[in-house]
Amino acid sequence: MREDYEVIIGLEVHAELSTKTKIYCSCTTEFGGDPNTHCCPICTGMPGVLPVLNEKVVEYAVKMGIATNCEIAKFSKQDRKNYFYPDLPKAFQTSQYDLPLCEHGYVEISVNGKNKKIGITRIHIEEDAGKLIHDAYTGDTLVDMNRCAVPLIEIVSEPDIRNADEAIAYMQALKSTLEYLEICDCKMQEGSLRCDVNLSVRKKGETKFGTRTETKNLNSFKAIARSIEFETNRQIKELENGGTIYQETRRWDDDKGVGYAMRSKEDAHDYRYFPEPDLAPIILSEEYVEKMKAEIPEMQFARKQRYINEYSLPEYDADQITSSKYMADFFEKAEAKCKNAKIVSNWLMGDISRKINESEMNDIRDVKFTAEDLGELIILIDKGTISSAIAKKVFDEMFETGKKPEDIVKEKGLVQITDENAIKEIVVKVIGENPQSVADYKAGKDKAIGFIVGQVMKASKGKANPGIVNKLIIEELNDK
């Protein structure tokens, strides 16, 4: 981005709530299922039906509001947002307009060592739309109503974000909060957490916002960052060439790395909001709000501090692990098994995170083995049953198959050799086959030992105890 421009970003984040049933009916919210099997006359908007608000939706929204420092409205209502899309057949969305449940909050982020508050304008409840499925070969479009009326909260930020790094930090903070509250599974690849990016640019020093565009339905951190970079550069280039930025809704093609205009962007008056006549206002007592506050669980910051104090983890480790509730839960279960917090932390931040990223998994919930299995693997290392090198091979097998570490060790005959006599036979043989390395060592080149160690480990198929190998090699060389 050119240094003489400033980018202004606000995010509209949609989080599907983890209720068992939909927002106004008893249909399941379970992801998947055959098309149009998780719906009924209410959620498909048939004439003459009456919605009934799911109380859990209000509870979850209020908890999110509390956790993000919002003011909780004691009186709010629901409204009809009128428009027509094929995936919302009643031609309006039940949402909230001028009296949302939660307003005027913020979350704190840290980017490059600098802390910043990102304001939250509002959090309101609404129903999700269905899903259009486009067939690129036939040109046909099919509609699946299963997602219709799955409960959402929409979290609308202030235009406080200035670059992609801040946008990702903000999204990560929201994702962590949703996970710790256990109100959204945050499976972005399934669409249960997604966001729209509102973006404009202006020359530095200007106070008036430029014309904004809205890029819809981004469901990965990578897509959010790439779309921000693309749209920022597109708008600057357009302005520099004397063009005009139009207020429009855009879509992002992550495969091609480009955005496209979809339609002109509506303003609020275009939706013709009016109060939903079939739903009563939402009236909350002070006692209800206090009860919700009391039910807020240990959140990320508190858990991070506990890990530093209770497990003596470095601050960086504690921050990385607790950024995901699911990873933190995995850590505690593994640590309870092996009682070695730092080693569990190293595995989580190292090999496990690397494998999850390489496999393009959503998060640690998709891993095939259990936290207890990781703890058992660490115990096998601590006992000397397997070496650290062998443990890497066992881990790879665990990741691919989900097998227990002890079963893999047994099946593949990977138990570490600790018999000094057996190891000494290999050492003597390797030293005899490598006279040049012996000469190098005698000449003061200590690096020669590393080569001999490698050859011994290779000859033992990685099963010889490294400590014993080093000791015996030095003894044997010094005797020559």
Protein backbone atom coordinates (compact mmCIF):
# COMPACT_ATOMS: atom_id res chain seq x y z
CA MET A 1 0.00 0.00 0.00
CA ARG A 2 1.23 3.52 -0.77
CA GLU A 3 2.51 5.42 2.25
CA ASP A 4 0.42 8.51 1.46
CA TYR A 5 -2.87 6.61 1.87
CA GLU A 6 -4.69 5.35 4.93
CA VAL A 7 -7.08 2.42 4.92
CA ILE A 8 -10.22 2.43 7.09
CA ILE A 9 -11.68 -0.98 7.94
CA GLY A 10 -14.72 -2.14 9.86
CA LEU A 11 -15.75 -5.79 10.18
CA GLU A 12 -19.21 -7.32 10.39
CA VAL A 13 -18.68 -10.74 11.95
CA HIS A 14 -21.37 -13.41 11.82
CA ALA A 15 -21.17 -16.23 14.36
CA GLU A 16 -23.57 -19.17 14.24
CA LEU A 17 -24.65 -19.99 17.78
CA SER A 18 -24.22 -23.52 19.11
CA THR A 19 -27.84 -24.03 20.10
CA LYS A 20 -29.40 -27.41 19.42
CA THR A 21 -32.37 -25.89 17.62
CA LYS A 22 -32.94 -22.93 15.35
CA ILE A 23 -33.80 -19.42 16.42
CA TYR A 24 -37.60 -19.60 15.89
CA CYS A 25 -38.42 -23.32 15.55
CA SER A 26 -37.37 -26.78 16.76
CA CYS A 27 -35.41 -27.81 13.63
CA THR A 28 -31.85 -29.00 14.28
CA THR A 29 -28.89 -26.70 13.71
CA GLU A 30 -26.59 -29.64 12.95
CA PHE A 31 -24.21 -28.95 10.05
CA GLY A 32 -24.64 -31.06 6.93
CA GLY A 33 -27.49 -33.43 6.29
CA ASP A 34 -29.21 -33.98 2.97
CA PRO A 35 -30.39 -30.73 1.35
CA ASN A 36 -33.70 -29.36 2.65
CA THR A 37 -34.08 -31.96 5.42
CA HIS A 38 -33.36 -29.67 8.41
CA CYS A 39 -36.21 -27.28 7.79
CA CYS A 40 -39.91 -26.82 8.42
CA PRO A 41 -42.72 -24.37 7.45
CA ILE A 42 -41.49 -21.86 10.06
CA CYS A 43 -37.85 -21.61 9.00
CA THR A 44 -38.74 -21.69 5.31
CA GLY A 45 -41.20 -18.82 5.82
CA MET A 46 -44.47 -20.45 4.81
CA PRO A 47 -47.63 -18.29 5.10
CA GLY A 48 -49.54 -18.40 8.38
CA VAL A 49 -46.75 -19.69 10.64
CA LEU A 50 -45.67 -18.01 13.88
CA PRO A 51 -42.07 -17.89 15.19
CA VAL A 52 -41.13 -18.47 18.84
CA LEU A 53 -37.81 -17.04 20.02
CA ASN A 54 -35.22 -19.54 21.33
CA GLU A 55 -34.27 -18.33 24.82
CA LYS A 56 -30.73 -19.74 24.49
CA VAL A 57 -30.06 -17.33 21.62
CA VAL A 58 -30.65 -14.36 23.92
CA GLU A 59 -28.50 -15.94 26.66
CA TYR A 60 -25.57 -16.53 24.31
CA ALA A 61 -25.78 -13.05 22.80
CA VAL A 62 -25.85 -11.40 26.22
CA LYS A 63 -22.83 -13.41 27.36
CA MET A 64 -20.90 -12.32 24.27
CA GLY A 65 -21.89 -8.74 24.97
CA ILE A 66 -20.67 -8.96 28.55
CA ALA A 67 -17.38 -10.57 27.47
CA THR A 68 -16.77 -7.77 24.96
CA ASN A 69 -17.50 -4.93 27.41
CA CYS A 70 -20.85 -3.99 25.86
CA GLU A 71 -23.81 -2.28 27.44
CA ILE A 72 -26.68 -4.79 27.68
CA ALA A 73 -30.07 -3.39 26.69
CA LYS A 74 -32.84 -4.09 29.17
CA PHE A 75 -35.34 -3.48 26.36
CA SER A 76 -34.76 -4.53 22.77
CA LYS A 77 -36.86 -5.74 19.89
CA GLN A 78 -36.63 -7.64 16.63
CA ASP A 79 -37.24 -6.19 13.21
CA ARG A 80 -37.99 -7.27 9.67
CA LYS A 81 -35.21 -6.48 7.22
CA ASN A 82 -36.95 -6.59 3.85
CA TYR A 83 -35.22 -7.85 0.74
CA PHE A 84 -35.53 -10.76 -1.62
CA TYR A 85 -32.95 -13.46 -2.08
CA PRO A 86 -33.78 -16.97 -3.31
CA ASP A 87 -32.19 -18.50 -0.19
CA LEU A 88 -34.53 -16.59 2.16
CA PRO A 89 -37.95 -17.36 0.69
CA LYS A 90 -40.10 -15.27 3.04
CA ALA A 91 -38.39 -12.19 1.47
CA PHE A 92 -37.35 -10.66 4.79
CA GLN A 93 -34.80 -11.49 7.47
CA THR A 94 -35.74 -11.28 11.13
CA SER A 95 -32.95 -9.24 12.69
CA GLN A 96 -32.52 -6.22 14.99
CA TYR A 97 -32.27 -2.64 13.81
CA ASP A 98 -32.41 0.34 16.16
CA LEU A 99 -32.64 -1.50 19.50
CA PRO A 100 -30.02 -4.28 19.53
CA LEU A 101 -29.24 -6.41 22.58
CA CYS A 102 -25.66 -5.16 23.02
CA GLU A 103 -23.96 -1.85 22.18
CA HIS A 104 -20.83 0.25 22.75
CA GLY A 105 -18.27 -2.42 23.58
CA TYR A 106 -14.66 -3.11 22.65
CA VAL A 107 -11.98 -5.77 22.48
CA GLU A 108 -8.28 -5.24 23.04
CA ILE A 109 -5.73 -6.46 20.51
CA SER A 110 -1.95 -6.45 20.35
CA VAL A 111 -0.09 -6.08 17.04
CA ASN A 112 3.70 -5.79 16.85
CA GLY A 113 3.85 -5.11 20.57
CA LYS A 114 1.32 -2.27 20.44
CA ASN A 115 -2.01 -2.55 22.27
CA LYS A 116 -5.17 -1.11 20.78
CA LYS A 117 -8.90 -1.11 21.50
CA ILE A 118 -11.24 -1.93 18.64
CA GLY A 119 -14.70 -0.56 19.30
CA ILE A 120 -17.80 -2.69 18.90
CA THR A 121 -20.80 -0.73 17.68
CA ARG A 122 -23.37 -3.44 18.39
CA ILE A 123 -24.08 -7.14 18.75
CA HIS A 124 -27.51 -8.25 17.63
CA ILE A 125 -29.33 -11.51 17.02
CA GLU A 126 -30.74 -12.58 13.68
CA GLU A 127 -31.50 -15.61 11.55
CA ASP A 128 -29.17 -17.01 8.91
CA ALA A 129 -30.22 -17.45 5.29
CA GLY A 130 -30.10 -20.66 3.29
CA LYS A 131 -27.39 -21.55 0.80
CA LEU A 132 -27.30 -21.24 -2.96
CA ILE A 133 -25.29 -23.89 -4.79
CA HIS A 134 -24.14 -22.88 -8.26
CA ASP A 135 -23.35 -25.54 -10.86
CA ALA A 136 -20.52 -24.18 -12.99
CA TYR A 137 -21.10 -26.75 -15.72
CA THR A 138 -24.86 -26.51 -16.24
CA GLY A 139 -25.33 -22.93 -15.11
CA ASP A 140 -28.11 -24.04 -12.75
CA THR A 141 -28.52 -22.79 -9.20
CA LEU A 142 -29.94 -24.99 -6.44
CA VAL A 143 -31.08 -23.88 -3.01
CA ASP A 144 -30.60 -25.68 0.32
CA MET A 145 -32.79 -24.37 3.15
CA ASN A 146 -31.06 -26.31 5.95
CA ARG A 147 -29.23 -23.19 7.14
CA CYS A 148 -32.35 -21.00 7.12
CA ALA A 149 -33.00 -19.60 10.62
CA VAL A 150 -29.85 -21.02 12.19
CA PRO A 151 -29.28 -18.43 14.95
CA LEU A 152 -26.60 -15.81 14.41
CA ILE A 153 -25.08 -12.99 16.33
CA GLU A 154 -23.71 -10.20 14.19
CA ILE A 155 -20.80 -8.31 15.76
CA VAL A 156 -20.30 -4.93 14.11
CA SER A 157 -17.04 -3.12 14.76
CA GLU A 158 -16.30 0.56 14.66
CA PRO A 159 -14.10 1.62 11.71
CA ASP A 160 -11.04 1.43 13.97
CA ILE A 161 -9.00 -1.14 12.02
CA ARG A 162 -6.17 0.17 9.86
CA ASN A 163 -4.56 -2.88 8.25
CA ALA A 164 -4.88 -6.63 7.70
CA ASP A 165 -2.76 -7.48 10.77
CA GLU A 166 -5.17 -5.58 13.04
CA ALA A 167 -8.15 -7.21 11.31
CA ILE A 168 -6.74 -10.70 11.93
CA ALA A 169 -5.86 -9.88 15.56
CA TYR A 170 -9.43 -8.63 16.09
CA MET A 171 -10.91 -11.75 14.49
CA GLN A 172 -8.67 -13.98 16.61
CA ALA A 173 -9.80 -12.15 19.75
CA LEU A 174 -13.46 -12.66 18.85
CA LYS A 175 -12.88 -16.31 17.92
CA SER A 176 -11.15 -16.96 21.23
CA THR A 177 -13.98 -15.27 23.16
CA LEU A 178 -16.67 -17.28 21.33
CA GLU A 179 -14.77 -20.51 22.02
CA TYR A 180 -14.27 -19.81 25.73
CA LEU A 181 -17.95 -18.94 26.14
CA GLU A 182 -18.78 -22.17 24.24
CA ILE A 183 -21.46 -20.40 22.23
CA CYS A 184 -20.03 -21.00 18.71
CA ASP A 185 -17.88 -23.85 17.37
CA CYS A 186 -15.99 -21.33 15.18
CA LYS A 187 -15.51 -23.81 12.32
CA MET A 188 -14.77 -21.25 9.67
CA GLN A 189 -14.61 -23.80 6.86
CA GLU A 190 -18.23 -24.72 7.64
CA GLY A 191 -19.30 -21.08 7.69
CA SER A 192 -20.10 -20.92 11.39
CA LEU A 193 -17.74 -17.96 11.75
CA ARG A 194 -17.37 -15.57 8.83
CA CYS A 195 -17.05 -11.86 8.25
CA ASP A 196 -17.76 -9.06 5.82
CA VAL A 197 -15.02 -6.46 5.31
CA ASN A 198 -16.10 -2.83 4.94
CA LEU A 199 -13.15 -0.88 3.53
CA SER A 200 -12.36 2.58 2.23
CA VAL A 201 -9.17 4.54 1.63
CA ARG A 202 -8.27 8.21 2.02
CA LYS A 203 -5.20 10.39 1.74
CA LYS A 204 -3.34 10.70 5.03
CA GLY A 205 -4.37 13.84 6.85
CA GLU A 206 -7.93 13.78 5.57
CA THR A 207 -10.73 13.42 8.13
CA LYS A 208 -13.60 12.46 5.86
CA PHE A 209 -14.06 8.77 5.11
CA GLY A 210 -13.88 7.61 1.52
CA THR A 211 -16.59 5.57 -0.21
CA ARG A 212 -16.61 2.08 1.26
CA THR A 213 -17.10 -1.30 -0.31
CA GLU A 214 -18.22 -4.47 1.45
CA THR A 215 -16.56 -7.81 0.65
CA LYS A 216 -18.93 -10.57 1.78
CA ASN A 217 -18.63 -13.93 3.51
CA LEU A 218 -14.92 -14.40 4.12
CA ASN A 219 -14.40 -17.61 6.06
CA SER A 220 -10.66 -17.86 6.73
CA PHE A 221 -8.03 -15.55 8.19
CA LYS A 222 -6.00 -15.97 5.01
CA ALA A 223 -8.93 -14.88 2.84
CA ILE A 224 -9.59 -11.86 5.07
CA ALA A 225 -5.97 -10.68 4.85
CA ARG A 226 -5.68 -11.25 1.09
CA SER A 227 -9.00 -9.55 0.31
CA ILE A 228 -8.00 -6.48 2.37
CA GLU A 229 -4.71 -6.19 0.50
CA PHE A 230 -6.43 -6.61 -2.87
CA GLU A 231 -9.25 -4.14 -2.23
CA THR A 232 -6.92 -1.55 -0.71
CA ASN A 233 -4.65 -1.62 -3.75
CA ARG A 234 -7.64 -1.63 -6.13
CA GLN A 235 -9.18 1.46 -4.59
CA ILE A 236 -5.90 3.40 -4.48
CA LYS A 237 -5.15 2.54 -8.09
CA GLU A 238 -8.67 3.58 -9.14
CA LEU A 239 -8.39 6.93 -7.37
CA GLU A 240 -4.90 7.61 -8.69
CA ASN A 241 -6.17 7.00 -12.23
CA GLY A 242 -8.93 9.56 -11.74
CA GLY A 243 -11.67 6.95 -11.26
CA THR A 244 -14.54 6.74 -8.78
CA ILE A 245 -15.12 4.25 -5.98
CA TYR A 246 -18.73 3.06 -5.91
CA GLN A 247 -20.52 1.86 -2.81
CA GLU A 248 -20.99 -1.79 -3.68
CA THR A 249 -21.07 -5.33 -2.37
CA ARG A 250 -18.20 -7.51 -3.59
CA ARG A 251 -17.28 -11.19 -3.51
CA TRP A 252 -13.85 -12.70 -3.03
CA ASP A 253 -12.45 -15.53 -5.15
CA ASP A 254 -9.76 -17.04 -2.94
CA ASP A 255 -8.51 -19.43 -5.62
CA LYS A 256 -7.80 -16.57 -8.04
CA GLY A 257 -6.92 -14.03 -5.36
CA VAL A 258 -9.23 -11.36 -6.77
CA GLY A 259 -12.46 -9.61 -5.79
CA TYR A 260 -15.47 -8.90 -7.99
CA ALA A 261 -18.37 -6.46 -7.81
CA MET A 262 -21.71 -8.21 -7.12
CA ARG A 263 -24.26 -5.42 -6.76
CA SER A 264 -24.66 -1.86 -5.53
CA LYS A 265 -24.55 -1.64 -1.74
CA GLU A 266 -27.81 -0.86 0.03
CA ASP A 267 -28.20 1.69 2.80
CA ALA A 268 -30.34 0.99 5.86
CA HIS A 269 -33.39 2.78 4.44
CA ASP A 270 -33.34 0.45 1.41
CA TYR A 271 -34.20 -2.47 3.71
CA ARG A 272 -37.43 -0.83 4.91
CA TYR A 273 -37.00 -2.02 8.50
CA PHE A 274 -40.05 -2.24 10.71
CA PRO A 275 -40.73 -4.00 14.05
CA GLU A 276 -41.44 -7.73 13.77
CA PRO A 277 -45.17 -7.92 14.67
CA ASP A 278 -45.10 -11.65 15.48
CA LEU A 279 -42.43 -11.42 18.20
CA ALA A 280 -42.68 -9.69 21.57
CA PRO A 281 -39.98 -7.28 22.74
CA ILE A 282 -37.03 -8.74 24.68
CA ILE A 283 -37.14 -7.41 28.25
CA LEU A 284 -34.23 -8.32 30.55
CA SER A 285 -34.09 -7.75 34.29
CA GLU A 286 -30.98 -6.63 36.14
CA GLU A 287 -31.03 -9.99 37.93
CA TYR A 288 -30.91 -11.80 34.58
CA VAL A 289 -27.90 -9.81 33.39
CA GLU A 290 -26.09 -10.40 36.70
CA LYS A 291 -26.81 -14.13 36.40
CA MET A 292 -25.25 -14.14 32.90
CA LYS A 293 -22.19 -12.32 34.26
CA ALA A 294 -21.81 -14.93 36.99
CA GLU A 295 -21.85 -17.70 34.39
CA ILE A 296 -18.97 -16.27 32.34
CA PRO A 297 -16.20 -18.94 32.52
CA GLU A 298 -12.45 -18.47 32.92
CA MET A 299 -11.48 -16.50 29.81
CA GLN A 300 -8.25 -16.47 27.84
CA PHE A 301 -6.36 -13.78 29.79
CA ALA A 302 -7.12 -15.41 33.16
CA ARG A 303 -6.19 -18.84 31.83
CA LYS A 304 -2.95 -17.49 30.41
CA GLN A 305 -1.98 -16.03 33.81
CA ARG A 306 -2.84 -19.32 35.50
CA TYR A 307 -0.61 -21.26 33.10
CA ILE A 308 2.29 -18.92 33.86
CA ASN A 309 1.77 -19.31 37.62
CA GLU A 310 0.63 -22.94 37.87
CA TYR A 311 2.70 -24.58 35.13
CA SER A 312 5.65 -22.14 35.04
CA LEU A 313 5.19 -21.72 31.29
CA PRO A 314 6.87 -18.78 29.55
CA GLU A 315 4.44 -15.99 28.72
CA TYR A 316 4.77 -16.65 24.98
CA ASP A 317 3.88 -20.35 25.40
CA ALA A 318 0.92 -19.54 27.64
CA ASP A 319 -0.36 -16.92 25.22
CA GLN A 320 -0.11 -19.20 22.18
CA ILE A 321 -1.78 -22.19 23.85
CA THR A 322 -4.63 -20.29 25.50
CA SER A 323 -5.46 -18.34 22.32
CA SER A 324 -7.58 -21.40 21.45
CA LYS A 325 -9.81 -22.92 24.12
CA TYR A 326 -9.57 -26.27 22.39
CA MET A 327 -5.78 -26.26 22.43
CA ALA A 328 -5.80 -25.17 26.07
CA ASP A 329 -8.15 -28.03 26.96
CA PHE A 330 -5.88 -30.44 25.05
CA PHE A 331 -2.85 -29.09 26.92
CA GLU A 332 -4.41 -29.62 30.35
CA LYS A 333 -5.46 -33.20 29.60
CA ALA A 334 -2.03 -34.11 28.20
CA GLU A 335 -0.25 -32.46 31.13
CA ALA A 336 -2.46 -34.30 33.61
CA LYS A 337 -1.29 -37.55 32.00
CA CYS A 338 2.47 -36.94 31.85
CA LYS A 339 3.05 -34.11 34.37
CA ASN A 340 5.48 -32.34 32.03
CA ALA A 341 3.92 -29.01 31.06
CA LYS A 342 6.84 -27.54 29.10
CA ILE A 343 7.28 -30.63 26.91
CA VAL A 344 3.53 -30.73 26.18
CA SER A 345 3.75 -27.06 25.25
CA ASN A 346 6.69 -27.74 22.91
CA TRP A 347 4.78 -30.50 21.11
CA LEU A 348 1.66 -28.34 20.76
CA MET A 349 3.45 -25.28 19.41
CA GLY A 350 5.85 -27.34 17.29
CA ASP A 351 4.99 -30.61 15.57
CA ILE A 352 1.24 -30.60 16.27
CA SER A 353 0.63 -27.03 15.05
CA ARG A 354 2.83 -27.67 12.01
CA LYS A 355 0.92 -30.82 11.08
CA ILE A 356 -2.46 -29.12 11.58
CA ASN A 357 -1.41 -26.30 9.24
CA GLU A 358 0.06 -28.64 6.63
CA SER A 359 -3.11 -30.75 6.67
CA GLU A 360 -5.31 -27.62 6.43
CA MET A 361 -7.33 -28.76 9.44
CA ASN A 362 -9.61 -26.32 11.21
CA ASP A 363 -7.94 -26.78 14.61
CA ILE A 364 -6.80 -29.38 17.12
CA ARG A 365 -10.30 -30.87 17.36
CA ASP A 366 -9.66 -32.53 14.00
CA VAL A 367 -6.56 -34.42 15.23
CA LYS A 368 -7.12 -38.19 15.33
CA PHE A 369 -5.28 -38.97 18.56
CA THR A 370 -6.25 -37.80 22.05
CA ALA A 371 -4.52 -35.51 24.53
CA GLU A 372 -3.92 -38.54 26.72
CA ASP A 373 -2.13 -40.21 23.79
CA LEU A 374 0.28 -37.28 23.58
CA GLY A 375 0.86 -37.56 27.32
CA GLU A 376 1.62 -41.27 26.92
CA LEU A 377 4.10 -40.53 24.11
CA ILE A 378 5.93 -38.11 26.40
CA ILE A 379 5.99 -40.73 29.17
CA LEU A 380 7.58 -43.23 26.76
CA ILE A 381 10.33 -40.69 26.05
CA ASP A 382 10.83 -39.83 29.72
CA LYS A 383 11.12 -43.51 30.66
CA GLY A 384 13.72 -44.08 27.95
CA THR A 385 11.45 -46.58 26.19
CA ILE A 386 11.91 -44.63 22.95
CA SER A 387 14.34 -41.92 21.89
CA SER A 388 13.30 -38.42 20.84
CA ALA A 389 14.11 -39.32 17.23
CA ILE A 390 11.90 -42.41 17.37
CA ALA A 391 9.19 -40.35 19.06
CA LYS A 392 8.96 -38.18 15.93
CA LYS A 393 8.26 -41.29 13.84
CA VAL A 394 5.70 -42.53 16.37
CA PHE A 395 4.02 -39.11 16.36
CA ASP A 396 3.75 -39.10 12.57
CA GLU A 397 2.04 -42.49 12.71
CA MET A 398 -0.30 -41.29 15.47
CA PHE A 399 -1.24 -38.26 13.41
CA GLU A 400 -1.99 -40.31 10.31
CA THR A 401 -3.81 -43.23 11.95
CA GLY A 402 -4.90 -42.21 15.46
CA LYS A 403 -3.22 -45.31 16.90
CA LYS A 404 -2.00 -45.40 20.51
CA PRO A 405 1.74 -44.63 20.85
CA GLU A 406 2.45 -47.79 22.83
CA ASP A 407 0.75 -49.90 20.13
CA ILE A 408 2.86 -48.28 17.40
CA VAL A 409 6.07 -48.86 19.37
CA LYS A 410 5.15 -52.50 19.92
CA GLU A 411 4.01 -53.17 16.33
CA LYS A 412 7.10 -51.63 14.75
CA GLY A 413 9.63 -52.83 17.29
CA LEU A 414 10.78 -49.33 18.17
CA VAL A 415 11.80 -49.88 21.81
CA GLN A 416 15.03 -48.02 22.52
CA ILE A 417 18.22 -50.07 22.96
CA THR A 418 19.76 -49.30 26.35
CA ASP A 419 21.98 -52.38 26.69
CA GLU A 420 25.53 -50.96 26.74
CA ASN A 421 27.09 -54.17 25.46
CA ALA A 422 24.76 -54.24 22.44
CA ILE A 423 25.42 -50.58 21.69
CA LYS A 424 29.18 -51.02 22.18
CA GLU A 425 29.26 -53.70 19.47
CA ILE A 426 27.77 -51.21 17.02
CA VAL A 427 30.14 -48.42 18.17
CA VAL A 428 33.25 -50.57 17.74
CA LYS A 429 32.11 -51.67 14.28
CA VAL A 430 31.34 -48.11 13.10
CA ILE A 431 34.65 -46.72 14.44
CA GLY A 432 36.52 -49.56 12.71
CA GLU A 433 34.81 -48.67 9.40
CA ASN A 434 35.64 -44.96 9.65
CA PRO A 435 39.40 -44.50 10.28
CA GLN A 436 39.35 -40.99 8.78
CA SER A 437 36.86 -39.81 11.39
CA VAL A 438 39.06 -41.32 14.11
CA ALA A 439 42.06 -39.47 12.71
CA ASP A 440 40.08 -36.23 12.54
CA TYR A 441 39.09 -36.60 16.18
CA LYS A 442 42.68 -37.28 17.22
CA ALA A 443 43.64 -34.13 15.31
CA GLY A 444 41.30 -32.09 17.49
CA LYS A 445 38.30 -31.97 15.18
CA ASP A 446 35.49 -32.64 17.65
CA LYS A 447 32.90 -32.47 14.88
CA ALA A 448 34.08 -35.92 13.81
CA ILE A 449 32.14 -37.35 16.75
CA GLY A 450 28.89 -36.10 15.24
CA PHE A 451 29.47 -38.12 12.09
CA ILE A 452 30.22 -41.27 14.07
CA VAL A 453 27.12 -40.75 16.25
CA GLY A 454 25.02 -40.44 13.10
CA GLN A 455 26.44 -43.67 11.69
CA VAL A 456 25.79 -45.53 14.96
CA MET A 457 22.20 -44.28 15.09
CA LYS A 458 21.74 -45.28 11.46
CA ALA A 459 23.11 -48.75 12.12
CA SER A 460 20.77 -49.17 15.11
CA LYS A 461 17.82 -47.86 13.04
CA GLY A 462 17.53 -44.95 15.46
CA LYS A 463 16.88 -47.19 18.45
CA ALA A 464 20.17 -46.79 20.35
CA ASN A 465 20.04 -44.52 23.40
CA PRO A 466 21.80 -41.31 22.24
CA GLY A 467 23.33 -40.59 25.65
CA ILE A 468 24.89 -44.04 25.89
CA VAL A 469 26.05 -43.81 22.27
CA ASN A 470 27.93 -40.55 22.91
CA LYS A 471 29.51 -41.87 26.10
CA LEU A 472 30.74 -45.11 24.50
CA ILE A 473 32.08 -43.37 21.38
CA ILE A 474 34.18 -40.96 23.45
CA GLU A 475 35.46 -43.82 25.61
CA GLU A 476 36.36 -45.93 22.58
CA LEU A 477 38.11 -43.05 20.75
CA ASN A 478 40.10 -42.06 23.82
CA ASP A 479 41.30 -45.67 24.19
CA LYS A 480 42.79 -45.67 20.68
